[in-house]
């Protein structure tokens, strides 16, 4: 049986004979017991699948994994792979993994080996630690104030830090104009006017929508809750959706449900949400519109308007203020205007 990831009792596990299948599935179950989200468990399963396929290809057993094998794994990920027998993707090779993807996989495998060490299956963790700064601890009475963000990601591969990509108004307007249902418009506006992530929109419950106060209670990453005020335009579309589109008598807790087909009335899935965006991107010509870019547009607009950084952090649901600070950047027009103003002042 070939190695793959499949659904098992409303979760996901590795399926097939592999050097880490049993241990990986035990660890994924351990993460579920610690209340990790189903999406996180599923993503970790695919990361472990990638590592397991590497071990199978190189004929390396779990007990024999060494630090040098981890560097070989990075090289293996960065090399394009042949697509033998592919019917869906008519390409000769698939692109290599991005640096961010490789760093995430390394973090997952590091966690797996830490679990193995705790369980007594290995004496050491073979995953190398990232480069650490040679600077000493900050000195002085206020040294603790300037502490940097903890390096929880533990990156082995250098990756560029990109600015959040916002969308121009014409792209947003074209995309919104092409949406056909109140439900779809409410979903897009919740991302654009509330800054919610796609998963947060899908899991939003009706009980968490306060029409009177014009705010929603969001359960974000790490089960952290936050209250987000949303513009009146969203609640207009939401009210019309609840009144004329959402089937009556549903026991579904989620706000946004499937409107047609055999799964009518069930909560919207990730694949269903992607299909909506893919369809209307192609029809409207707004090819840059993605769920997360709508969220980035929300954050960028508020940062440009001068909102307090800590308030923006709460609205976006970021764990670290450094992440929110990425939205506070000067655009080319602002830099040119300030340069022209300073030049006039010098003359």
C-alpha atoms as a PDB file:
ATOM      1  CA  UNK A   1       0.000   0.000   0.000  1.00  0.00           C
ATOM      2  CA  UNK A   2       1.353   3.407  -0.920  1.00  0.00           C
ATOM      3  CA  UNK A   3       1.781   6.044   1.740  1.00  0.00           C
ATOM      4  CA  UNK A   4      -0.965   8.634   1.888  1.00  0.00           C
ATOM      5  CA  UNK A   5      -3.069  10.728   4.270  1.00  0.00           C
ATOM      6  CA  UNK A   6      -6.705   9.849   4.779  1.00  0.00           C
ATOM      7  CA  UNK A   7      -9.659  10.755   7.001  1.00  0.00           C
ATOM      8  CA  UNK A   8     -10.026   8.646  10.133  1.00  0.00           C
ATOM      9  CA  UNK A   9     -12.902   9.356  12.534  1.00  0.00           C
ATOM     10  CA  UNK A  10     -13.319  13.035  11.640  1.00  0.00           C
ATOM     11  CA  UNK A  11      -9.553  13.535  11.704  1.00  0.00           C
ATOM     12  CA  UNK A  12      -6.595  12.626   9.495  1.00  0.00           C
ATOM     13  CA  UNK A  13      -3.891   9.993   9.816  1.00  0.00           C
ATOM     14  CA  UNK A  14      -1.075   8.460   7.789  1.00  0.00           C
ATOM     15  CA  UNK A  15      -2.193   5.363   5.877  1.00  0.00           C
ATOM     16  CA  UNK A  16       0.220   2.735   4.602  1.00  0.00           C
ATOM     17  CA  UNK A  17       3.385   0.978   5.681  1.00  0.00           C
ATOM     18  CA  UNK A  18       6.138   3.451   6.465  1.00  0.00           C
ATOM     19  CA  UNK A  19       9.003   3.898   8.935  1.00  0.00           C
ATOM     20  CA  UNK A  20       7.095   6.462  11.034  1.00  0.00           C
ATOM     21  CA  UNK A  21       3.426   5.635  10.380  1.00  0.00           C
ATOM     22  CA  UNK A  22       2.590   4.201  13.806  1.00  0.00           C
ATOM     23  CA  UNK A  23       4.537   6.825  15.749  1.00  0.00           C
ATOM     24  CA  UNK A  24       3.184   9.666  13.616  1.00  0.00           C
ATOM     25  CA  UNK A  25      -0.409   8.566  14.159  1.00  0.00           C
ATOM     26  CA  UNK A  26       0.154   8.284  17.904  1.00  0.00           C
ATOM     27  CA  UNK A  27       1.582  11.806  17.956  1.00  0.00           C
ATOM     28  CA  UNK A  28      -1.298  13.196  15.892  1.00  0.00           C
ATOM     29  CA  UNK A  29      -3.709  11.612  18.365  1.00  0.00           C
ATOM     30  CA  UNK A  30      -1.717  13.194  21.184  1.00  0.00           C
ATOM     31  CA  UNK A  31      -2.108  16.592  19.534  1.00  0.00           C
ATOM     32  CA  UNK A  32      -5.869  16.063  19.272  1.00  0.00           C
ATOM     33  CA  UNK A  33      -5.985  15.306  22.993  1.00  0.00           C
ATOM     34  CA  UNK A  34      -4.242  18.649  23.527  1.00  0.00           C
ATOM     35  CA  UNK A  35      -7.061  20.342  21.569  1.00  0.00           C
ATOM     36  CA  UNK A  36      -5.081  21.150  18.436  1.00  0.00           C
ATOM     37  CA  UNK A  37      -7.479  22.150  15.670  1.00  0.00           C
ATOM     38  CA  UNK A  38      -8.475  19.545  13.035  1.00  0.00           C
ATOM     39  CA  UNK A  39      -6.930  21.736  10.321  1.00  0.00           C
ATOM     40  CA  UNK A  40      -3.590  21.764  12.160  1.00  0.00           C
ATOM     41  CA  UNK A  41      -3.631  17.993  12.635  1.00  0.00           C
ATOM     42  CA  UNK A  42      -4.398  17.530   8.947  1.00  0.00           C
ATOM     43  CA  UNK A  43      -1.564  19.853   7.885  1.00  0.00           C
ATOM     44  CA  UNK A  44       0.884  18.084  10.217  1.00  0.00           C
ATOM     45  CA  UNK A  45      -0.143  14.731   8.756  1.00  0.00           C
ATOM     46  CA  UNK A  46       0.792  15.859   5.240  1.00  0.00           C
ATOM     47  CA  UNK A  47       4.116  17.249   6.493  1.00  0.00           C
ATOM     48  CA  UNK A  48       4.914  13.906   8.129  1.00  0.00           C
ATOM     49  CA  UNK A  49       3.868  12.131   4.932  1.00  0.00           C
ATOM     50  CA  UNK A  50       6.509  14.097   3.046  1.00  0.00           C
ATOM     51  CA  UNK A  51       9.179  13.109   5.572  1.00  0.00           C
ATOM     52  CA  UNK A  52       8.084   9.473   5.541  1.00  0.00           C
ATOM     53  CA  UNK A  53       8.326   9.297   1.747  1.00  0.00           C
ATOM     54  CA  UNK A  54      11.853  10.660   1.944  1.00  0.00           C
ATOM     55  CA  UNK A  55      12.848   7.964   4.450  1.00  0.00           C
ATOM     56  CA  UNK A  56      11.326   5.252   2.261  1.00  0.00           C
ATOM     57  CA  UNK A  57      13.111   6.524  -0.855  1.00  0.00           C
ATOM     58  CA  UNK A  58      16.473   6.681   0.938  1.00  0.00           C
ATOM     59  CA  UNK A  59      15.918   3.378   2.830  1.00  0.00           C
ATOM     60  CA  UNK A  60      16.407   5.034   6.226  1.00  0.00           C
ATOM     61  CA  UNK A  61      14.769   3.583   9.325  1.00  0.00           C
ATOM     62  CA  UNK A  62      13.383   5.756  12.087  1.00  0.00           C
ATOM     63  CA  UNK A  63      16.069   4.671  14.560  1.00  0.00           C
ATOM     64  CA  UNK A  64      18.872   5.510  12.122  1.00  0.00           C
ATOM     65  CA  UNK A  65      17.803   9.095  11.321  1.00  0.00           C
ATOM     66  CA  UNK A  66      20.728  11.463  11.926  1.00  0.00           C
ATOM     67  CA  UNK A  67      21.211  15.210  11.661  1.00  0.00           C
ATOM     68  CA  UNK A  68      22.874  14.828   8.263  1.00  0.00           C
ATOM     69  CA  UNK A  69      19.749  13.070   6.998  1.00  0.00           C
ATOM     70  CA  UNK A  70      17.728  16.151   7.877  1.00  0.00           C
ATOM     71  CA  UNK A  71      19.929  18.296   5.644  1.00  0.00           C
ATOM     72  CA  UNK A  72      19.580  15.709   2.880  1.00  0.00           C
ATOM     73  CA  UNK A  73      15.826  15.959   3.368  1.00  0.00           C
ATOM     74  CA  UNK A  74      15.974  19.716   2.780  1.00  0.00           C
ATOM     75  CA  UNK A  75      17.922  19.126  -0.434  1.00  0.00           C
ATOM     76  CA  UNK A  76      15.399  16.460  -1.444  1.00  0.00           C
ATOM     77  CA  UNK A  77      12.512  18.900  -0.949  1.00  0.00           C
ATOM     78  CA  UNK A  78      14.209  21.660  -2.920  1.00  0.00           C
ATOM     79  CA  UNK A  79      14.705  19.427  -5.968  1.00  0.00           C
ATOM     80  CA  UNK A  80      11.840  19.257  -8.520  1.00  0.00           C
ATOM     81  CA  UNK A  81      10.034  15.917  -8.542  1.00  0.00           C
ATOM     82  CA  UNK A  82       8.953  13.920 -11.574  1.00  0.00           C
ATOM     83  CA  UNK A  83       5.199  13.426 -11.848  1.00  0.00           C
ATOM     84  CA  UNK A  84       4.977   9.783 -12.890  1.00  0.00           C
ATOM     85  CA  UNK A  85       1.533   8.704 -13.953  1.00  0.00           C
ATOM     86  CA  UNK A  86      -0.082  12.060 -13.228  1.00  0.00           C
ATOM     87  CA  UNK A  87      -3.395  12.530 -14.984  1.00  0.00           C
ATOM     88  CA  UNK A  88      -4.553  15.782 -13.409  1.00  0.00           C
ATOM     89  CA  UNK A  89      -1.354  17.816 -13.775  1.00  0.00           C
ATOM     90  CA  UNK A  90       0.141  17.430 -17.263  1.00  0.00           C
ATOM     91  CA  UNK A  91       3.602  18.607 -16.229  1.00  0.00           C
ATOM     92  CA  UNK A  92       6.910  16.789 -16.382  1.00  0.00           C
ATOM     93  CA  UNK A  93       8.044  18.062 -12.998  1.00  0.00           C
ATOM     94  CA  UNK A  94       6.466  19.739  -9.994  1.00  0.00           C
ATOM     95  CA  UNK A  95       8.102  22.791  -8.414  1.00  0.00           C
ATOM     96  CA  UNK A  96      10.255  22.472  -5.333  1.00  0.00           C
ATOM     97  CA  UNK A  97       8.946  23.319  -1.884  1.00  0.00           C
ATOM     98  CA  UNK A  98       9.038  26.955  -0.816  1.00  0.00           C
ATOM     99  CA  UNK A  99      11.324  27.946   2.100  1.00  0.00           C
ATOM    100  CA  UNK A 100       8.319  28.622   4.340  1.00  0.00           C
ATOM    101  CA  UNK A 101       6.964  25.142   3.588  1.00  0.00           C
ATOM    102  CA  UNK A 102      10.291  23.498   4.382  1.00  0.00           C
ATOM    103  CA  UNK A 103      10.599  25.393   7.660  1.00  0.00           C
ATOM    104  CA  UNK A 104       7.100  24.327   8.678  1.00  0.00           C
ATOM    105  CA  UNK A 105       7.893  20.690   7.879  1.00  0.00           C
ATOM    106  CA  UNK A 106      11.103  20.872   9.899  1.00  0.00           C
ATOM    107  CA  UNK A 107       9.175  22.235  12.890  1.00  0.00           C
ATOM    108  CA  UNK A 108       6.644  19.403  12.627  1.00  0.00           C
ATOM    109  CA  UNK A 109       9.316  16.700  12.390  1.00  0.00           C
ATOM    110  CA  UNK A 110      11.143  18.292  15.325  1.00  0.00           C
ATOM    111  CA  UNK A 111       7.964  17.947  17.358  1.00  0.00           C
ATOM    112  CA  UNK A 112       7.602  14.301  16.326  1.00  0.00           C
ATOM    113  CA  UNK A 113      11.125  13.456  17.502  1.00  0.00           C
ATOM    114  CA  UNK A 114      10.612  15.368  20.744  1.00  0.00           C
ATOM    115  CA  UNK A 115       7.589  13.162  21.342  1.00  0.00           C
ATOM    116  CA  UNK A 116       9.705  10.088  20.579  1.00  0.00           C
ATOM    117  CA  UNK A 117      12.333  11.214  23.101  1.00  0.00           C
ATOM    118  CA  UNK A 118       9.673  11.755  25.775  1.00  0.00           C
ATOM    119  CA  UNK A 119       8.236   8.290  25.082  1.00  0.00           C
ATOM    120  CA  UNK A 120      11.697   6.721  25.378  1.00  0.00           C
ATOM    121  CA  UNK A 121      11.849   5.622  21.748  1.00  0.00           C
ATOM    122  CA  UNK A 122      14.940   7.702  21.038  1.00  0.00           C
ATOM    123  CA  UNK A 123      17.668   9.200  23.187  1.00  0.00           C
ATOM    124  CA  UNK A 124      18.156  12.391  21.190  1.00  0.00           C
ATOM    125  CA  UNK A 125      16.358  14.592  18.708  1.00  0.00           C
ATOM    126  CA  UNK A 126      18.266  14.533  15.385  1.00  0.00           C
ATOM    127  CA  UNK A 127      16.660  17.695  14.002  1.00  0.00           C
ATOM    128  CA  UNK A 128      19.339  20.439  14.082  1.00  0.00           C
ATOM    129  CA  UNK A 129      18.614  23.668  15.875  1.00  0.00           C
ATOM    130  CA  UNK A 130      18.565  26.847  13.809  1.00  0.00           C
ATOM    131  CA  UNK A 131      21.326  29.408  13.843  1.00  0.00           C
ATOM    132  CA  UNK A 132      21.231  31.376  17.051  1.00  0.00           C
ATOM    133  CA  UNK A 133      22.457  34.889  17.637  1.00  0.00           C
ATOM    134  CA  UNK A 134      25.877  35.220  19.222  1.00  0.00           C
ATOM    135  CA  UNK A 135      24.836  38.372  21.002  1.00  0.00           C
ATOM    136  CA  UNK A 136      24.689  38.169  24.745  1.00  0.00           C
ATOM    137  CA  UNK A 137      21.583  38.882  26.809  1.00  0.00           C
ATOM    138  CA  UNK A 138      20.352  42.454  26.846  1.00  0.00           C
ATOM    139  CA  UNK A 139      21.890  44.408  29.680  1.00  0.00           C
ATOM    140  CA  UNK A 140      20.587  47.235  31.793  1.00  0.00           C
ATOM    141  CA  UNK A 141      17.577  47.965  33.907  1.00  0.00           C
ATOM    142  CA  UNK A 142      15.208  47.900  30.925  1.00  0.00           C
ATOM    143  CA  UNK A 143      16.866  45.031  29.082  1.00  0.00           C
ATOM    144  CA  UNK A 144      13.789  42.857  29.388  1.00  0.00           C
ATOM    145  CA  UNK A 145      11.638  45.486  27.626  1.00  0.00           C
ATOM    146  CA  UNK A 146      13.532  45.176  24.359  1.00  0.00           C
ATOM    147  CA  UNK A 147      13.271  41.427  24.146  1.00  0.00           C
ATOM    148  CA  UNK A 148      12.635  40.210  20.642  1.00  0.00           C
ATOM    149  CA  UNK A 149       9.908  37.939  19.459  1.00  0.00           C
ATOM    150  CA  UNK A 150      10.683  34.362  20.515  1.00  0.00           C
ATOM    151  CA  UNK A 151      11.934  32.212  17.665  1.00  0.00           C
ATOM    152  CA  UNK A 152       9.150  29.650  17.975  1.00  0.00           C
ATOM    153  CA  UNK A 153       9.328  28.810  14.270  1.00  0.00           C
ATOM    154  CA  UNK A 154      12.979  27.620  14.576  1.00  0.00           C
ATOM    155  CA  UNK A 155      13.801  28.165  10.921  1.00  0.00           C
ATOM    156  CA  UNK A 156      16.582  26.223   9.285  1.00  0.00           C
ATOM    157  CA  UNK A 157      15.972  27.643   5.817  1.00  0.00           C
ATOM    158  CA  UNK A 158      16.296  31.353   5.192  1.00  0.00           C
ATOM    159  CA  UNK A 159      13.091  32.851   3.848  1.00  0.00           C
ATOM    160  CA  UNK A 160      12.186  36.349   2.826  1.00  0.00           C
ATOM    161  CA  UNK A 161       9.728  38.302   4.929  1.00  0.00           C
ATOM    162  CA  UNK A 162       7.141  39.735   2.598  1.00  0.00           C
ATOM    163  CA  UNK A 163       4.875  42.675   3.216  1.00  0.00           C
ATOM    164  CA  UNK A 164       1.157  41.844   3.423  1.00  0.00           C
ATOM    165  CA  UNK A 165      -0.329  42.102  -0.061  1.00  0.00           C
ATOM    166  CA  UNK A 166      -3.454  44.244  -0.229  1.00  0.00           C
ATOM    167  CA  UNK A 167      -5.842  44.531  -3.155  1.00  0.00           C
ATOM    168  CA  UNK A 168      -6.642  47.604  -5.273  1.00  0.00           C
ATOM    169  CA  UNK A 169     -10.258  48.853  -5.114  1.00  0.00           C
ATOM    170  CA  UNK A 170     -11.048  47.944  -8.723  1.00  0.00           C
ATOM    171  CA  UNK A 171     -10.185  44.280  -8.130  1.00  0.00           C
ATOM    172  CA  UNK A 172     -12.300  44.134  -4.970  1.00  0.00           C
ATOM    173  CA  UNK A 173     -15.260  45.890  -6.571  1.00  0.00           C
ATOM    174  CA  UNK A 174     -15.191  43.661  -9.654  1.00  0.00           C
ATOM    175  CA  UNK A 175     -15.084  40.540  -7.521  1.00  0.00           C
ATOM    176  CA  UNK A 176     -17.905  41.640  -5.209  1.00  0.00           C
ATOM    177  CA  UNK A 177     -20.076  42.665  -8.170  1.00  0.00           C
ATOM    178  CA  UNK A 178     -19.776  39.173  -9.662  1.00  0.00           C
ATOM    179  CA  UNK A 179     -20.975  37.354  -6.515  1.00  0.00           C
ATOM    180  CA  UNK A 180     -24.524  36.096  -7.000  1.00  0.00           C
ATOM    181  CA  UNK A 181     -25.795  35.291  -3.499  1.00  0.00           C
ATOM    182  CA  UNK A 182     -26.126  37.255  -0.288  1.00  0.00           C
ATOM    183  CA  UNK A 183     -24.220  34.450   1.424  1.00  0.00           C
ATOM    184  CA  UNK A 184     -21.174  34.825  -0.813  1.00  0.00           C
ATOM    185  CA  UNK A 185     -21.171  38.606  -0.484  1.00  0.00           C
ATOM    186  CA  UNK A 186     -21.463  38.334   3.312  1.00  0.00           C
ATOM    187  CA  UNK A 187     -18.500  35.942   3.380  1.00  0.00           C
ATOM    188  CA  UNK A 188     -16.316  38.238   1.290  1.00  0.00           C
ATOM    189  CA  UNK A 189     -17.323  41.334   3.275  1.00  0.00           C
ATOM    190  CA  UNK A 190     -16.554  39.594   6.551  1.00  0.00           C
ATOM    191  CA  UNK A 191     -12.987  39.112   5.354  1.00  0.00           C
ATOM    192  CA  UNK A 192     -12.728  42.571   3.820  1.00  0.00           C
ATOM    193  CA  UNK A 193     -14.448  44.585   6.572  1.00  0.00           C
ATOM    194  CA  UNK A 194     -13.675  42.380   9.569  1.00  0.00           C
ATOM    195  CA  UNK A 195     -10.291  40.879   8.713  1.00  0.00           C
ATOM    196  CA  UNK A 196     -11.368  37.305   9.435  1.00  0.00           C
ATOM    197  CA  UNK A 197      -9.393  34.335   8.170  1.00  0.00           C
ATOM    198  CA  UNK A 198     -11.111  31.870   5.836  1.00  0.00           C
ATOM    199  CA  UNK A 199     -11.264  29.198   8.542  1.00  0.00           C
ATOM    200  CA  UNK A 200     -12.719  31.716  11.000  1.00  0.00           C
ATOM    201  CA  UNK A 201     -15.475  32.583   8.541  1.00  0.00           C
ATOM    202  CA  UNK A 202     -16.355  28.934   7.936  1.00  0.00           C
ATOM    203  CA  UNK A 203     -16.523  28.100  11.641  1.00  0.00           C
ATOM    204  CA  UNK A 204     -18.402  31.247  12.678  1.00  0.00           C
ATOM    205  CA  UNK A 205     -21.578  30.254  14.537  1.00  0.00           C
ATOM    206  CA  UNK A 206     -24.905  32.020  14.363  1.00  0.00           C
ATOM    207  CA  UNK A 207     -24.842  32.468  18.134  1.00  0.00           C
ATOM    208  CA  UNK A 208     -21.622  34.489  17.805  1.00  0.00           C
ATOM    209  CA  UNK A 209     -23.163  37.140  15.534  1.00  0.00           C
ATOM    210  CA  UNK A 210     -24.505  40.194  17.372  1.00  0.00           C
ATOM    211  CA  UNK A 211     -26.534  42.195  14.860  1.00  0.00           C
ATOM    212  CA  UNK A 212     -27.535  44.823  17.433  1.00  0.00           C
ATOM    213  CA  UNK A 213     -23.947  45.609  18.453  1.00  0.00           C
ATOM    214  CA  UNK A 214     -22.684  45.018  14.899  1.00  0.00           C
ATOM    215  CA  UNK A 215     -19.915  42.705  15.991  1.00  0.00           C
ATOM    216  CA  UNK A 216     -18.965  39.029  15.793  1.00  0.00           C
ATOM    217  CA  UNK A 217     -17.246  36.767  18.291  1.00  0.00           C
ATOM    218  CA  UNK A 218     -14.414  34.967  16.493  1.00  0.00           C
ATOM    219  CA  UNK A 219     -12.580  31.841  17.577  1.00  0.00           C
ATOM    220  CA  UNK A 220      -9.133  32.206  16.055  1.00  0.00           C
ATOM    221  CA  UNK A 221      -5.875  30.314  16.112  1.00  0.00           C
ATOM    222  CA  UNK A 222      -5.031  28.585  19.366  1.00  0.00           C
ATOM    223  CA  UNK A 223      -8.717  28.766  20.410  1.00  0.00           C
ATOM    224  CA  UNK A 224      -8.253  32.460  21.216  1.00  0.00           C
ATOM    225  CA  UNK A 225     -11.504  34.433  21.089  1.00  0.00           C
ATOM    226  CA  UNK A 226     -11.885  38.058  20.073  1.00  0.00           C
ATOM    227  CA  UNK A 227     -14.707  40.508  19.402  1.00  0.00           C
ATOM    228  CA  UNK A 228     -14.573  42.165  15.989  1.00  0.00           C
ATOM    229  CA  UNK A 229     -16.815  45.096  14.975  1.00  0.00           C
ATOM    230  CA  UNK A 230     -17.900  44.893  11.332  1.00  0.00           C
ATOM    231  CA  UNK A 231     -19.326  47.520   9.024  1.00  0.00           C
ATOM    232  CA  UNK A 232     -23.075  47.806   8.430  1.00  0.00           C
ATOM    233  CA  UNK A 233     -22.728  46.563   4.822  1.00  0.00           C
ATOM    234  CA  UNK A 234     -21.875  43.074   6.063  1.00  0.00           C
ATOM    235  CA  UNK A 235     -24.921  42.853   8.299  1.00  0.00           C
ATOM    236  CA  UNK A 236     -27.200  43.938   5.434  1.00  0.00           C
ATOM    237  CA  UNK A 237     -25.988  41.010   3.321  1.00  0.00           C
ATOM    238  CA  UNK A 238     -26.072  38.650   6.307  1.00  0.00           C
ATOM    239  CA  UNK A 239     -29.671  39.571   7.158  1.00  0.00           C
ATOM    240  CA  UNK A 240     -30.769  39.020   3.559  1.00  0.00           C
ATOM    241  CA  UNK A 241     -28.964  35.667   3.509  1.00  0.00           C
ATOM    242  CA  UNK A 242     -30.611  34.488   6.728  1.00  0.00           C
ATOM    243  CA  UNK A 243     -34.024  35.690   5.580  1.00  0.00           C
ATOM    244  CA  UNK A 244     -34.138  34.399   2.007  1.00  0.00           C
ATOM    245  CA  UNK A 245     -31.327  31.876   1.376  1.00  0.00           C
ATOM    246  CA  UNK A 246     -30.438  29.847   4.453  1.00  0.00           C
ATOM    247  CA  UNK A 247     -32.797  26.852   4.753  1.00  0.00           C
ATOM    248  CA  UNK A 248     -35.172  27.028   7.708  1.00  0.00           C
ATOM    249  CA  UNK A 249     -35.230  24.542  10.550  1.00  0.00           C
ATOM    250  CA  UNK A 250     -31.515  23.698  10.415  1.00  0.00           C
ATOM    251  CA  UNK A 251     -29.669  22.348  13.422  1.00  0.00           C
ATOM    252  CA  UNK A 252     -26.311  23.409  11.927  1.00  0.00           C
ATOM    253  CA  UNK A 253     -24.514  25.728  14.332  1.00  0.00           C
ATOM    254  CA  UNK A 254     -22.311  27.350  11.695  1.00  0.00           C
ATOM    255  CA  UNK A 255     -23.581  30.527  10.124  1.00  0.00           C
ATOM    256  CA  UNK A 256     -22.684  29.819   6.482  1.00  0.00           C
ATOM    257  CA  UNK A 257     -24.031  26.597   4.988  1.00  0.00           C
ATOM    258  CA  UNK A 258     -24.285  24.891   1.607  1.00  0.00           C
ATOM    259  CA  UNK A 259     -27.301  26.181  -0.346  1.00  0.00           C
ATOM    260  CA  UNK A 260     -27.621  23.586  -3.125  1.00  0.00           C
ATOM    261  CA  UNK A 261     -26.914  19.937  -3.800  1.00  0.00           C
ATOM    262  CA  UNK A 262     -26.951  16.792  -1.666  1.00  0.00           C
ATOM    263  CA  UNK A 263     -25.129  18.510   1.222  1.00  0.00           C
ATOM    264  CA  UNK A 264     -27.615  21.388   1.505  1.00  0.00           C
ATOM    265  CA  UNK A 265     -27.745  22.730   5.048  1.00  0.00           C
ATOM    266  CA  UNK A 266     -24.335  21.459   6.098  1.00  0.00           C
ATOM    267  CA  UNK A 267     -21.532  23.790   7.124  1.00  0.00           C
ATOM    268  CA  UNK A 268     -19.451  25.117   4.256  1.00  0.00           C
ATOM    269  CA  UNK A 269     -16.218  23.232   3.675  1.00  0.00           C
ATOM    270  CA  UNK A 270     -12.775  24.539   2.818  1.00  0.00           C
ATOM    271  CA  UNK A 271     -13.076  23.094  -0.689  1.00  0.00           C
ATOM    272  CA  UNK A 272     -16.457  24.772  -1.150  1.00  0.00           C
ATOM    273  CA  UNK A 273     -15.088  28.163  -0.166  1.00  0.00           C
ATOM    274  CA  UNK A 274     -12.128  27.777  -2.510  1.00  0.00           C
ATOM    275  CA  UNK A 275     -14.501  26.873  -5.328  1.00  0.00           C
ATOM    276  CA  UNK A 276     -16.504  30.075  -4.817  1.00  0.00           C
ATOM    277  CA  UNK A 277     -13.405  32.250  -5.023  1.00  0.00           C
ATOM    278  CA  UNK A 278     -11.970  30.323  -7.969  1.00  0.00           C
ATOM    279  CA  UNK A 279     -15.199  30.596  -9.979  1.00  0.00           C
ATOM    280  CA  UNK A 280     -15.751  34.304  -9.452  1.00  0.00           C
ATOM    281  CA  UNK A 281     -12.091  35.200  -9.938  1.00  0.00           C
ATOM    282  CA  UNK A 282     -12.248  33.689 -13.406  1.00  0.00           C
ATOM    283  CA  UNK A 283     -15.581  35.294 -14.294  1.00  0.00           C
ATOM    284  CA  UNK A 284     -14.858  38.767 -12.954  1.00  0.00           C
ATOM    285  CA  UNK A 285     -11.249  39.017 -14.087  1.00  0.00           C
ATOM    286  CA  UNK A 286     -10.171  39.899 -10.528  1.00  0.00           C
ATOM    287  CA  UNK A 287      -7.418  37.302 -10.618  1.00  0.00           C
ATOM    288  CA  UNK A 288      -5.580  38.564  -7.528  1.00  0.00           C
ATOM    289  CA  UNK A 289      -8.480  38.172  -5.098  1.00  0.00           C
ATOM    290  CA  UNK A 290      -7.830  35.536  -2.441  1.00  0.00           C
ATOM    291  CA  UNK A 291      -9.441  35.148   0.998  1.00  0.00           C
ATOM    292  CA  UNK A 292      -6.253  36.065   2.845  1.00  0.00           C
ATOM    293  CA  UNK A 293      -5.606  39.060   0.600  1.00  0.00           C
ATOM    294  CA  UNK A 294      -9.010  40.436   1.579  1.00  0.00           C
ATOM    295  CA  UNK A 295      -7.854  40.117   5.185  1.00  0.00           C
ATOM    296  CA  UNK A 296      -4.571  41.836   4.313  1.00  0.00           C
ATOM    297  CA  UNK A 297      -6.510  44.651   2.653  1.00  0.00           C
ATOM    298  CA  UNK A 298      -8.489  45.154   5.863  1.00  0.00           C
ATOM    299  CA  UNK A 299      -5.313  45.365   7.958  1.00  0.00           C
ATOM    300  CA  UNK A 300      -3.491  47.619   5.510  1.00  0.00           C
ATOM    301  CA  UNK A 301      -6.387  50.082   5.248  1.00  0.00           C
ATOM    302  CA  UNK A 302      -6.670  50.404   9.035  1.00  0.00           C
ATOM    303  CA  UNK A 303      -2.906  50.777   9.441  1.00  0.00           C
ATOM    304  CA  UNK A 304      -2.829  53.474   6.763  1.00  0.00           C
ATOM    305  CA  UNK A 305      -5.661  55.296   8.554  1.00  0.00           C
ATOM    306  CA  UNK A 306      -3.469  55.460  11.664  1.00  0.00           C
ATOM    307  CA  UNK A 307      -5.178  52.972  13.971  1.00  0.00           C
ATOM    308  CA  UNK A 308      -3.295  52.072  17.152  1.00  0.00           C
ATOM    309  CA  UNK A 309      -1.045  49.066  16.548  1.00  0.00           C
ATOM    310  CA  UNK A 310      -2.261  47.192  19.640  1.00  0.00           C
ATOM    311  CA  UNK A 311      -5.893  47.693  18.618  1.00  0.00           C
ATOM    312  CA  UNK A 312      -5.115  46.373  15.145  1.00  0.00           C
ATOM    313  CA  UNK A 313      -3.391  43.390  16.720  1.00  0.00           C
ATOM    314  CA  UNK A 314      -6.551  42.524  18.659  1.00  0.00           C
ATOM    315  CA  UNK A 315      -8.739  42.934  15.581  1.00  0.00           C
ATOM    316  CA  UNK A 316      -6.501  40.705  13.471  1.00  0.00           C
ATOM    317  CA  UNK A 317      -6.019  38.087  16.188  1.00  0.00           C
ATOM    318  CA  UNK A 318      -2.224  38.077  15.983  1.00  0.00           C
ATOM    319  CA  UNK A 319      -0.187  36.387  18.697  1.00  0.00           C
ATOM    320  CA  UNK A 320       2.737  38.810  18.337  1.00  0.00           C
ATOM    321  CA  UNK A 321       2.676  42.537  17.703  1.00  0.00           C
ATOM    322  CA  UNK A 322       5.604  42.121  15.307  1.00  0.00           C
ATOM    323  CA  UNK A 323       3.235  40.345  12.912  1.00  0.00           C
ATOM    324  CA  UNK A 324       0.826  43.273  13.058  1.00  0.00           C
ATOM    325  CA  UNK A 325       3.672  45.729  12.505  1.00  0.00           C
ATOM    326  CA  UNK A 326       4.065  44.284   9.005  1.00  0.00           C
ATOM    327  CA  UNK A 327       0.938  46.189   7.994  1.00  0.00           C
ATOM    328  CA  UNK A 328       2.493  49.509   8.988  1.00  0.00           C
ATOM    329  CA  UNK A 329       4.604  50.320   5.962  1.00  0.00           C
ATOM    330  CA  UNK A 330       4.856  53.226   3.600  1.00  0.00           C
ATOM    331  CA  UNK A 331       3.697  52.817   0.041  1.00  0.00           C
ATOM    332  CA  UNK A 332       5.539  54.234  -2.928  1.00  0.00           C
ATOM    333  CA  UNK A 333       3.141  57.183  -3.243  1.00  0.00           C
ATOM    334  CA  UNK A 334       3.579  58.159   0.412  1.00  0.00           C
ATOM    335  CA  UNK A 335       7.375  57.988   0.157  1.00  0.00           C
ATOM    336  CA  UNK A 336       7.384  60.093  -3.030  1.00  0.00           C
ATOM    337  CA  UNK A 337       5.098  62.697  -1.456  1.00  0.00           C
ATOM    338  CA  UNK A 338       7.276  63.005   1.648  1.00  0.00           C
ATOM    339  CA  UNK A 339      10.402  63.245  -0.489  1.00  0.00           C
ATOM    340  CA  UNK A 340       8.833  66.036  -2.578  1.00  0.00           C
ATOM    341  CA  UNK A 341       7.737  67.885   0.577  1.00  0.00           C
ATOM    342  CA  UNK A 342      11.233  67.703   2.073  1.00  0.00           C
ATOM    343  CA  UNK A 343      12.798  68.858  -1.192  1.00  0.00           C
ATOM    344  CA  UNK A 344      10.535  71.924  -1.290  1.00  0.00           C
ATOM    345  CA  UNK A 345      11.404  72.727   2.329  1.00  0.00           C
ATOM    346  CA  UNK A 346      15.126  72.683   1.505  1.00  0.00           C
ATOM    347  CA  UNK A 347      14.764  75.152  -1.389  1.00  0.00           C
END
